[in-house]
């Protein structure tokens, strides 16, 4: 998986998490906003996460 593919998949996953949380009636709006901010900030760490989980070339 290339870094671009990882980034696209990671962004899609975070978007789906937000969409699922938004549709859940039991989620407190204040907590939803806080979690949305955390997920948005996590999105910027995609290159770091990719570097941390990719296999090292042998």
C-alpha atoms as a PDB file:
ATOM      1  CA  UNK A   1       0.000   0.000   0.000  1.00  0.00           C
ATOM      2  CA  UNK A   2       1.419   3.359  -0.969  1.00  0.00           C
ATOM      3  CA  UNK A   3       1.340   6.402   1.264  1.00  0.00           C
ATOM      4  CA  UNK A   4      -1.320   7.984  -0.950  1.00  0.00           C
ATOM      5  CA  UNK A   5      -3.537   4.894  -0.714  1.00  0.00           C
ATOM      6  CA  UNK A   6      -3.070   4.784   3.045  1.00  0.00           C
ATOM      7  CA  UNK A   7      -3.911   8.478   3.348  1.00  0.00           C
ATOM      8  CA  UNK A   8      -7.081   8.093   1.288  1.00  0.00           C
ATOM      9  CA  UNK A   9      -8.199   5.018   3.239  1.00  0.00           C
ATOM     10  CA  UNK A  10      -7.384   6.644   6.565  1.00  0.00           C
ATOM     11  CA  UNK A  11      -9.320   9.811   5.659  1.00  0.00           C
ATOM     12  CA  UNK A  12     -12.294   7.726   4.484  1.00  0.00           C
ATOM     13  CA  UNK A  13     -12.278   5.734   7.732  1.00  0.00           C
ATOM     14  CA  UNK A  14     -12.218   8.877   9.865  1.00  0.00           C
ATOM     15  CA  UNK A  15     -15.070  10.351   7.808  1.00  0.00           C
ATOM     16  CA  UNK A  16     -17.122   7.186   8.281  1.00  0.00           C
ATOM     17  CA  UNK A  17     -16.483   7.297  12.049  1.00  0.00           C
ATOM     18  CA  UNK A  18     -17.775  10.870  12.166  1.00  0.00           C
ATOM     19  CA  UNK A  19     -20.813  10.020  10.055  1.00  0.00           C
ATOM     20  CA  UNK A  20     -21.658   7.025  12.235  1.00  0.00           C
ATOM     21  CA  UNK A  21     -21.275   9.046  15.429  1.00  0.00           C
ATOM     22  CA  UNK A  22     -23.421  11.856  13.991  1.00  0.00           C
ATOM     23  CA  UNK A  23     -26.263   9.423  13.322  1.00  0.00           C
ATOM     24  CA  UNK A  24     -26.167   7.942  16.835  1.00  0.00           C
ATOM     25  CA  UNK A  25     -28.836   9.610  19.014  1.00  0.00           C
ATOM     26  CA  UNK A  26     -27.091   8.671  22.269  1.00  0.00           C
ATOM     27  CA  UNK A  27     -23.996  10.770  21.488  1.00  0.00           C
ATOM     28  CA  UNK A  28     -23.828  13.991  23.500  1.00  0.00           C
ATOM     29  CA  UNK A  29     -23.377  16.945  21.071  1.00  0.00           C
ATOM     30  CA  UNK A  30     -20.557  18.447  23.152  1.00  0.00           C
ATOM     31  CA  UNK A  31     -18.695  15.152  23.207  1.00  0.00           C
ATOM     32  CA  UNK A  32     -19.327  14.721  19.484  1.00  0.00           C
ATOM     33  CA  UNK A  33     -17.761  18.102  18.773  1.00  0.00           C
ATOM     34  CA  UNK A  34     -14.726  17.239  20.899  1.00  0.00           C
ATOM     35  CA  UNK A  35     -14.308  13.880  19.204  1.00  0.00           C
ATOM     36  CA  UNK A  36     -14.703  15.463  15.782  1.00  0.00           C
ATOM     37  CA  UNK A  37     -11.853  17.835  16.642  1.00  0.00           C
ATOM     38  CA  UNK A  38      -9.674  14.931  17.787  1.00  0.00           C
ATOM     39  CA  UNK A  39     -10.375  12.964  14.606  1.00  0.00           C
ATOM     40  CA  UNK A  40      -9.694  16.015  12.450  1.00  0.00           C
ATOM     41  CA  UNK A  41      -6.352  16.544  14.168  1.00  0.00           C
ATOM     42  CA  UNK A  42      -5.569  12.840  13.839  1.00  0.00           C
ATOM     43  CA  UNK A  43      -6.025  13.202  10.090  1.00  0.00           C
ATOM     44  CA  UNK A  44      -2.909  15.391   9.932  1.00  0.00           C
ATOM     45  CA  UNK A  45      -0.820  12.577  11.426  1.00  0.00           C
ATOM     46  CA  UNK A  46      -1.542  10.202   8.554  1.00  0.00           C
ATOM     47  CA  UNK A  47       2.034  10.386   7.152  1.00  0.00           C
ATOM     48  CA  UNK A  48       3.487   9.695  10.603  1.00  0.00           C
ATOM     49  CA  UNK A  49       1.178   6.720  11.127  1.00  0.00           C
ATOM     50  CA  UNK A  50       2.021   5.366   7.690  1.00  0.00           C
ATOM     51  CA  UNK A  51       5.718   5.579   8.449  1.00  0.00           C
ATOM     52  CA  UNK A  52       5.227   3.851  11.786  1.00  0.00           C
ATOM     53  CA  UNK A  53       3.299   0.854  10.439  1.00  0.00           C
ATOM     54  CA  UNK A  54       4.927   0.228   7.075  1.00  0.00           C
ATOM     55  CA  UNK A  55       7.379  -2.605   6.734  1.00  0.00           C
ATOM     56  CA  UNK A  56      11.025  -1.719   6.627  1.00  0.00           C
ATOM     57  CA  UNK A  57      12.756  -2.666   3.374  1.00  0.00           C
ATOM     58  CA  UNK A  58      15.074  -5.629   3.788  1.00  0.00           C
END
